Amino acid sequence: MPSNKAPRGAMAALTSLLDNTRALSTSSTAFGSPVTSGSTTVVPVARVSTLSTMGGGTGNIPFFGGDGAGGLGYTRVRPSGFLVVSPDCATYRPIRQPAAALAIPLALITAVAVTRIVTVSVKEARRRKQLATEQAQRGQEGPEG
């Protein structure tokens, strides 16, 4: 009998998950293929992050035996830049991420504003409490005169 080494059951599902995640993890998936115009070619460059988690098991319990598997594949493709390849030279041109450059200053401004608002609110609450205490003491002493 011929030996069939192809994965079956849980292993087939896990292998399929890994193969599909790997196939999607390219810059051409998100940004297309290189573009050629005359003798110049522009090649998109991307940062690709891939995460695959999986698990599987088999059992020998009567009437419930068998195997099972599950998993999750995650791929993130972000633009990084592009290569311009011409007969004279090849140059890399990065794509700037202005939103990322603004994130830290905006977070800092927000933190300073929130700190200021909380400080002023606490001082105002203390001032009101002190005024209420002073008014209550005056009310207990009664009018002098």
N, C-alpha and C. Protein backbone atom coordinates (compact mmCIF):
# COMPACT_ATOMS: atom_id res chain seq x y z
N MET A 1 0.83 -1.17 0.00
CA MET A 1 0.00 0.00 0.00
C MET A 1 0.88 1.24 0.00
N PRO A 2 0.54 2.24 -0.79
CA PRO A 2 1.34 3.46 -0.80
C PRO A 2 1.13 4.25 0.49
N SER A 3 2.20 4.84 0.98
CA SER A 3 2.15 5.64 2.19
C SER A 3 1.80 7.08 1.83
N ASN A 4 0.73 7.60 2.42
CA ASN A 4 0.30 8.97 2.15
C ASN A 4 0.76 9.85 3.32
N LYS A 5 1.76 10.70 3.09
CA LYS A 5 2.32 11.55 4.14
C LYS A 5 1.65 12.92 4.20
N ALA A 6 0.62 13.17 3.41
CA ALA A 6 -0.08 14.45 3.44
C ALA A 6 -0.77 14.61 4.79
N PRO A 7 -0.71 15.81 5.37
CA PRO A 7 -1.36 16.02 6.67
C PRO A 7 -2.87 15.83 6.57
N ARG A 8 -3.42 15.29 7.65
CA ARG A 8 -4.87 15.08 7.70
C ARG A 8 -5.41 15.69 8.98
N GLY A 9 -6.68 15.96 9.00
CA GLY A 9 -7.37 16.42 10.20
C GLY A 9 -6.82 17.72 10.74
N ALA A 10 -6.43 17.69 12.02
CA ALA A 10 -5.97 18.89 12.70
C ALA A 10 -4.71 19.46 12.06
N MET A 11 -3.80 18.61 11.69
CA MET A 11 -2.55 19.08 11.09
C MET A 11 -2.81 19.74 9.74
N ALA A 12 -3.77 19.22 9.00
CA ALA A 12 -4.11 19.83 7.71
C ALA A 12 -4.66 21.25 7.91
N ALA A 13 -5.50 21.42 8.94
CA ALA A 13 -6.07 22.73 9.22
C ALA A 13 -4.98 23.71 9.64
N LEU A 14 -4.06 23.27 10.49
CA LEU A 14 -2.99 24.14 10.94
C LEU A 14 -2.03 24.49 9.81
N THR A 15 -1.73 23.52 8.98
CA THR A 15 -0.85 23.77 7.84
C THR A 15 -1.50 24.75 6.88
N SER A 16 -2.79 24.60 6.65
CA SER A 16 -3.51 25.52 5.78
C SER A 16 -3.51 26.94 6.35
N LEU A 17 -3.69 27.06 7.67
CA LEU A 17 -3.67 28.37 8.32
C LEU A 17 -2.32 29.04 8.11
N LEU A 18 -1.25 28.33 8.35
CA LEU A 18 0.08 28.91 8.17
C LEU A 18 0.35 29.28 6.72
N ASP A 19 -0.03 28.41 5.79
CA ASP A 19 0.19 28.69 4.37
C ASP A 19 -0.59 29.92 3.91
N ASN A 20 -1.83 30.05 4.35
CA ASN A 20 -2.66 31.20 3.95
C ASN A 20 -2.13 32.50 4.55
N THR A 21 -1.70 32.46 5.80
CA THR A 21 -1.13 33.65 6.43
C THR A 21 0.15 34.07 5.73
N ARG A 22 0.98 33.10 5.40
CA ARG A 22 2.24 33.39 4.71
C ARG A 22 1.97 33.97 3.32
N ALA A 23 0.97 33.47 2.63
CA ALA A 23 0.66 33.95 1.28
C ALA A 23 0.18 35.40 1.30
N LEU A 24 -0.47 35.81 2.38
CA LEU A 24 -0.98 37.19 2.47
C LEU A 24 0.07 38.17 2.98
N SER A 25 1.19 37.68 3.46
CA SER A 25 2.19 38.52 4.10
C SER A 25 3.21 39.08 3.12
N THR A 26 2.74 39.78 2.11
CA THR A 26 3.64 40.40 1.14
C THR A 26 3.20 41.83 0.90
N SER A 27 4.13 42.65 0.46
CA SER A 27 3.77 44.04 0.18
C SER A 27 2.85 44.14 -1.03
N SER A 28 2.97 43.21 -1.96
CA SER A 28 2.11 43.27 -3.15
C SER A 28 0.65 42.97 -2.82
N THR A 29 0.38 42.29 -1.71
CA THR A 29 -0.99 42.05 -1.28
C THR A 29 -1.68 43.38 -0.98
N ALA A 30 -0.98 44.29 -0.34
CA ALA A 30 -1.58 45.57 0.05
C ALA A 30 -1.34 46.68 -0.96
N PHE A 31 -0.21 46.68 -1.62
CA PHE A 31 0.18 47.83 -2.43
C PHE A 31 0.34 47.53 -3.91
N GLY A 32 0.15 46.30 -4.31
CA GLY A 32 0.25 45.97 -5.72
C GLY A 32 1.65 45.56 -6.13
N SER A 33 1.77 45.21 -7.39
CA SER A 33 3.04 44.76 -7.94
C SER A 33 3.90 45.95 -8.35
N PRO A 34 5.19 45.72 -8.57
CA PRO A 34 6.05 46.79 -9.06
C PRO A 34 5.52 47.37 -10.38
N VAL A 35 5.75 48.67 -10.59
CA VAL A 35 5.28 49.37 -11.78
C VAL A 35 6.50 49.75 -12.61
N THR A 36 6.42 49.46 -13.91
CA THR A 36 7.52 49.79 -14.82
C THR A 36 7.05 50.80 -15.85
N SER A 37 7.85 51.82 -16.02
CA SER A 37 7.58 52.83 -17.04
C SER A 37 8.90 53.10 -17.77
N GLY A 38 8.95 52.69 -19.02
CA GLY A 38 10.20 52.81 -19.77
C GLY A 38 11.25 51.90 -19.16
N SER A 39 12.38 52.47 -18.74
CA SER A 39 13.44 51.66 -18.14
C SER A 39 13.49 51.84 -16.62
N THR A 40 12.49 52.51 -16.03
CA THR A 40 12.45 52.74 -14.59
C THR A 40 11.36 51.88 -13.97
N THR A 41 11.70 51.25 -12.84
CA THR A 41 10.75 50.41 -12.12
C THR A 41 10.61 50.93 -10.70
N VAL A 42 9.38 51.01 -10.22
CA VAL A 42 9.10 51.43 -8.85
C VAL A 42 8.56 50.20 -8.10
N VAL A 43 9.25 49.86 -7.00
CA VAL A 43 8.91 48.67 -6.23
C VAL A 43 8.42 49.11 -4.84
N PRO A 44 7.19 48.77 -4.45
CA PRO A 44 6.71 49.14 -3.11
C PRO A 44 7.43 48.31 -2.04
N VAL A 45 7.73 48.97 -0.92
CA VAL A 45 8.39 48.31 0.21
C VAL A 45 7.47 48.47 1.41
N ALA A 46 7.31 47.39 2.17
CA ALA A 46 6.39 47.43 3.31
C ALA A 46 7.01 46.74 4.51
N ARG A 47 6.52 47.13 5.68
CA ARG A 47 6.85 46.42 6.91
C ARG A 47 5.73 45.41 7.14
N VAL A 48 6.10 44.17 7.27
CA VAL A 48 5.11 43.11 7.41
C VAL A 48 5.29 42.46 8.77
N SER A 49 4.20 42.40 9.55
CA SER A 49 4.19 41.72 10.84
C SER A 49 3.16 40.60 10.75
N THR A 50 3.56 39.43 11.19
CA THR A 50 2.66 38.28 11.12
C THR A 50 2.62 37.59 12.47
N LEU A 51 1.44 37.21 12.90
CA LEU A 51 1.27 36.46 14.14
C LEU A 51 0.34 35.30 13.85
N SER A 52 0.76 34.12 14.20
CA SER A 52 -0.09 32.93 14.05
C SER A 52 -0.09 32.18 15.37
N THR A 53 -1.27 31.88 15.84
CA THR A 53 -1.40 31.05 17.04
C THR A 53 -2.27 29.88 16.68
N MET A 54 -1.97 28.75 17.28
CA MET A 54 -2.74 27.56 16.95
C MET A 54 -2.66 26.55 18.07
N GLY A 55 -3.56 25.63 18.01
CA GLY A 55 -3.56 24.53 18.97
C GLY A 55 -4.34 23.37 18.40
N GLY A 56 -4.06 22.22 18.89
CA GLY A 56 -4.74 21.03 18.39
C GLY A 56 -4.62 19.91 19.41
N GLY A 57 -5.40 18.89 19.20
CA GLY A 57 -5.33 17.75 20.10
C GLY A 57 -6.04 16.54 19.52
N THR A 58 -5.76 15.41 20.13
CA THR A 58 -6.41 14.16 19.73
C THR A 58 -6.93 13.49 20.99
N GLY A 59 -7.90 12.64 20.81
CA GLY A 59 -8.46 11.92 21.95
C GLY A 59 -8.77 10.48 21.59
N ASN A 60 -8.74 9.62 22.60
CA ASN A 60 -9.04 8.19 22.40
C ASN A 60 -10.23 7.74 23.22
N ILE A 61 -11.09 8.65 23.64
CA ILE A 61 -12.26 8.30 24.42
C ILE A 61 -13.27 7.62 23.48
N PRO A 62 -13.85 6.49 23.91
CA PRO A 62 -14.83 5.82 23.04
C PRO A 62 -16.00 6.74 22.70
N PHE A 63 -16.42 6.69 21.49
CA PHE A 63 -17.51 7.47 20.92
C PHE A 63 -17.18 8.96 20.77
N PHE A 64 -16.13 9.46 21.40
CA PHE A 64 -15.77 10.86 21.32
C PHE A 64 -14.36 11.07 20.77
N GLY A 65 -13.68 10.02 20.39
CA GLY A 65 -12.30 10.10 19.92
C GLY A 65 -12.21 10.91 18.64
N GLY A 66 -11.03 11.32 18.31
CA GLY A 66 -10.81 12.08 17.10
C GLY A 66 -9.80 13.17 17.35
N ASP A 67 -9.76 14.10 16.45
CA ASP A 67 -8.82 15.20 16.65
C ASP A 67 -9.52 16.52 16.32
N GLY A 68 -8.91 17.58 16.78
CA GLY A 68 -9.46 18.91 16.52
C GLY A 68 -8.35 19.94 16.58
N ALA A 69 -8.59 21.03 15.95
CA ALA A 69 -7.59 22.09 15.93
C ALA A 69 -8.25 23.43 15.73
N GLY A 70 -7.54 24.45 16.09
CA GLY A 70 -8.02 25.80 15.88
C GLY A 70 -6.85 26.75 15.88
N GLY A 71 -7.07 27.91 15.36
CA GLY A 71 -5.97 28.87 15.33
C GLY A 71 -6.43 30.21 14.80
N LEU A 72 -5.50 31.12 14.80
CA LEU A 72 -5.77 32.48 14.36
C LEU A 72 -4.53 32.99 13.65
N GLY A 73 -4.73 33.63 12.51
CA GLY A 73 -3.62 34.23 11.79
C GLY A 73 -3.87 35.72 11.63
N TYR A 74 -2.87 36.53 11.90
CA TYR A 74 -2.98 37.98 11.82
C TYR A 74 -1.79 38.51 11.04
N THR A 75 -2.06 39.34 10.06
CA THR A 75 -1.01 39.95 9.26
C THR A 75 -1.25 41.45 9.18
N ARG A 76 -0.19 42.22 9.43
CA ARG A 76 -0.28 43.68 9.34
C ARG A 76 0.78 44.14 8.33
N VAL A 77 0.34 44.84 7.31
CA VAL A 77 1.24 45.35 6.28
C VAL A 77 1.14 46.87 6.28
N ARG A 78 2.27 47.54 6.54
CA ARG A 78 2.31 49.00 6.58
C ARG A 78 3.30 49.51 5.53
N PRO A 79 2.98 50.59 4.86
CA PRO A 79 3.91 51.13 3.87
C PRO A 79 5.18 51.65 4.54
N SER A 80 6.29 51.39 3.92
CA SER A 80 7.57 51.85 4.44
C SER A 80 8.23 52.82 3.46
N GLY A 81 8.10 52.54 2.17
CA GLY A 81 8.71 53.38 1.16
C GLY A 81 8.63 52.69 -0.19
N PHE A 82 9.50 53.11 -1.10
CA PHE A 82 9.55 52.43 -2.39
C PHE A 82 10.95 52.58 -2.97
N LEU A 83 11.30 51.60 -3.79
CA LEU A 83 12.57 51.60 -4.50
C LEU A 83 12.33 52.10 -5.91
N VAL A 84 13.18 53.00 -6.36
CA VAL A 84 13.13 53.46 -7.75
C VAL A 84 14.38 52.89 -8.41
N VAL A 85 14.17 51.95 -9.31
CA VAL A 85 15.28 51.28 -9.98
C VAL A 85 15.32 51.77 -11.43
N SER A 86 16.44 52.39 -11.78
CA SER A 86 16.63 52.88 -13.15
C SER A 86 17.97 52.33 -13.65
N PRO A 87 18.26 52.46 -14.92
CA PRO A 87 19.54 51.95 -15.43
C PRO A 87 20.74 52.62 -14.76
N ASP A 88 20.58 53.86 -14.30
CA ASP A 88 21.69 54.58 -13.68
C ASP A 88 21.94 54.15 -12.24
N CYS A 89 20.84 54.04 -11.46
CA CYS A 89 21.00 53.72 -10.04
C CYS A 89 19.69 53.20 -9.47
N ALA A 90 19.77 52.78 -8.22
CA ALA A 90 18.58 52.37 -7.47
C ALA A 90 18.56 53.19 -6.18
N THR A 91 17.44 53.84 -5.90
CA THR A 91 17.33 54.65 -4.69
C THR A 91 16.10 54.24 -3.90
N TYR A 92 16.23 54.37 -2.59
CA TYR A 92 15.11 54.09 -1.69
C TYR A 92 14.52 55.42 -1.24
N ARG A 93 13.22 55.55 -1.33
CA ARG A 93 12.53 56.75 -0.89
C ARG A 93 11.52 56.37 0.19
N PRO A 94 11.78 56.81 1.43
CA PRO A 94 10.88 56.44 2.52
C PRO A 94 9.57 57.21 2.44
N ILE A 95 8.54 56.61 2.98
CA ILE A 95 7.24 57.27 3.10
C ILE A 95 7.14 57.75 4.54
N ARG A 96 7.00 59.02 4.71
CA ARG A 96 6.90 59.60 6.04
C ARG A 96 5.50 59.35 6.59
N GLN A 97 5.43 59.11 7.89
CA GLN A 97 4.15 58.89 8.57
C GLN A 97 3.86 60.10 9.45
N PRO A 98 3.21 61.15 8.90
CA PRO A 98 2.99 62.36 9.69
C PRO A 98 2.13 62.12 10.93
N ALA A 99 1.22 61.20 10.87
CA ALA A 99 0.37 60.93 12.03
C ALA A 99 1.20 60.38 13.18
N ALA A 100 2.16 59.52 12.88
CA ALA A 100 3.02 58.96 13.92
C ALA A 100 3.90 60.04 14.53
N ALA A 101 4.36 60.99 13.72
CA ALA A 101 5.20 62.08 14.22
C ALA A 101 4.40 63.02 15.12
N LEU A 102 3.09 63.11 14.93
CA LEU A 102 2.24 63.98 15.74
C LEU A 102 1.74 63.32 17.01
N ALA A 103 1.80 62.01 17.08
CA ALA A 103 1.19 61.29 18.20
C ALA A 103 1.82 61.67 19.53
N ILE A 104 3.13 61.71 19.62
CA ILE A 104 3.79 62.00 20.90
C ILE A 104 3.56 63.44 21.34
N PRO A 105 3.74 64.46 20.46
CA PRO A 105 3.44 65.82 20.93
C PRO A 105 1.98 66.01 21.34
N LEU A 106 1.04 65.41 20.60
CA LEU A 106 -0.37 65.53 20.97
C LEU A 106 -0.65 64.86 22.31
N ALA A 107 -0.03 63.72 22.56
CA ALA A 107 -0.21 63.04 23.84
C ALA A 107 0.36 63.88 24.97
N LEU A 108 1.49 64.53 24.75
CA LEU A 108 2.10 65.39 25.76
C LEU A 108 1.21 66.60 26.05
N ILE A 109 0.70 67.24 25.02
CA ILE A 109 -0.18 68.40 25.20
C ILE A 109 -1.44 67.99 25.96
N THR A 110 -2.00 66.85 25.61
CA THR A 110 -3.20 66.35 26.30
C THR A 110 -2.91 66.08 27.77
N ALA A 111 -1.76 65.47 28.07
CA ALA A 111 -1.40 65.17 29.46
C ALA A 111 -1.24 66.45 30.26
N VAL A 112 -0.60 67.46 29.69
CA VAL A 112 -0.42 68.74 30.39
C VAL A 112 -1.78 69.41 30.63
N ALA A 113 -2.65 69.40 29.63
CA ALA A 113 -3.97 70.01 29.78
C ALA A 113 -4.79 69.30 30.85
N VAL A 114 -4.78 67.99 30.85
CA VAL A 114 -5.55 67.23 31.85
C VAL A 114 -5.00 67.49 33.24
N THR A 115 -3.67 67.53 33.38
CA THR A 115 -3.06 67.82 34.68
C THR A 115 -3.47 69.20 35.18
N ARG A 116 -3.46 70.16 34.30
CA ARG A 116 -3.86 71.53 34.67
C ARG A 116 -5.32 71.58 35.10
N ILE A 117 -6.19 70.94 34.34
CA ILE A 117 -7.62 70.93 34.67
C ILE A 117 -7.86 70.28 36.03
N VAL A 118 -7.21 69.15 36.28
CA VAL A 118 -7.39 68.45 37.56
C VAL A 118 -6.86 69.31 38.71
N THR A 119 -5.69 69.93 38.52
CA THR A 119 -5.11 70.78 39.57
C THR A 119 -6.04 71.93 39.92
N VAL A 120 -6.54 72.63 38.92
CA VAL A 120 -7.46 73.76 39.15
C VAL A 120 -8.74 73.27 39.83
N SER A 121 -9.27 72.14 39.41
CA SER A 121 -10.50 71.62 40.00
C SER A 121 -10.31 71.25 41.47
N VAL A 122 -9.18 70.65 41.80
CA VAL A 122 -8.90 70.28 43.19
C VAL A 122 -8.75 71.54 44.05
N LYS A 123 -8.01 72.54 43.55
CA LYS A 123 -7.86 73.79 44.31
C LYS A 123 -9.21 74.47 44.54
N GLU A 124 -10.06 74.49 43.52
CA GLU A 124 -11.38 75.11 43.65
C GLU A 124 -12.24 74.34 44.66
N ALA A 125 -12.18 73.02 44.64
CA ALA A 125 -12.95 72.23 45.60
C ALA A 125 -12.47 72.49 47.02
N ARG A 126 -11.16 72.60 47.23
CA ARG A 126 -10.63 72.91 48.56
C ARG A 126 -11.06 74.30 49.02
N ARG A 127 -11.04 75.28 48.09
CA ARG A 127 -11.44 76.65 48.43
C ARG A 127 -12.91 76.69 48.85
N ARG A 128 -13.76 75.99 48.10
CA ARG A 128 -15.19 75.95 48.45
C ARG A 128 -15.43 75.29 49.80
N LYS A 129 -14.67 74.23 50.05
CA LYS A 129 -14.83 73.52 51.34
C LYS A 129 -14.40 74.43 52.48
N GLN A 130 -13.31 75.16 52.30
CA GLN A 130 -12.83 76.08 53.33
C GLN A 130 -13.85 77.20 53.56
N LEU A 131 -14.43 77.76 52.48
CA LEU A 131 -15.45 78.78 52.64
C LEU A 131 -16.67 78.26 53.38
N ALA A 132 -17.09 77.06 53.07
CA ALA A 132 -18.24 76.46 53.74
C ALA A 132 -17.95 76.25 55.22
N THR A 133 -16.72 75.84 55.56
CA THR A 133 -16.34 75.64 56.95
C THR A 133 -16.34 76.97 57.70
N GLU A 134 -15.79 78.02 57.07
CA GLU A 134 -15.76 79.34 57.70
C GLU A 134 -17.17 79.87 57.91
N GLN A 135 -18.06 79.68 56.94
CA GLN A 135 -19.44 80.15 57.08
C GLN A 135 -20.16 79.37 58.18
N ALA A 136 -19.89 78.10 58.30
CA ALA A 136 -20.51 77.30 59.36
C ALA A 136 -20.03 77.75 60.73
N GLN A 137 -18.74 78.10 60.86
CA GLN A 137 -18.21 78.60 62.15
C GLN A 137 -18.82 79.95 62.51
N ARG A 138 -18.98 80.82 61.52
CA ARG A 138 -19.62 82.13 61.78
C ARG A 138 -21.06 81.96 62.21
N GLY A 139 -21.74 81.00 61.62
CA GLY A 139 -23.13 80.76 61.97
C GLY A 139 -23.28 80.25 63.39
N GLN A 140 -22.32 79.47 63.88
CA GLN A 140 -22.39 78.95 65.25
C GLN A 140 -22.03 80.01 66.27
N GLU A 141 -21.12 80.93 65.95
CA GLU A 141 -20.71 81.97 66.89
C GLU A 141 -21.82 82.99 67.09
N GLY A 142 -22.62 83.19 66.09
CA GLY A 142 -23.71 84.17 66.19
C GLY A 142 -23.18 85.57 65.93
N PRO A 143 -24.10 86.51 65.77
CA PRO A 143 -23.69 87.89 65.48
C PRO A 143 -23.13 88.55 66.74
N GLU A 144 -22.06 89.23 66.55
CA GLU A 144 -21.45 89.97 67.66
C GLU A 144 -21.82 91.43 67.55
N GLY A 145 -22.01 92.05 68.62
CA GLY A 145 -22.23 93.46 68.51
C GLY A 145 -23.25 94.03 69.32
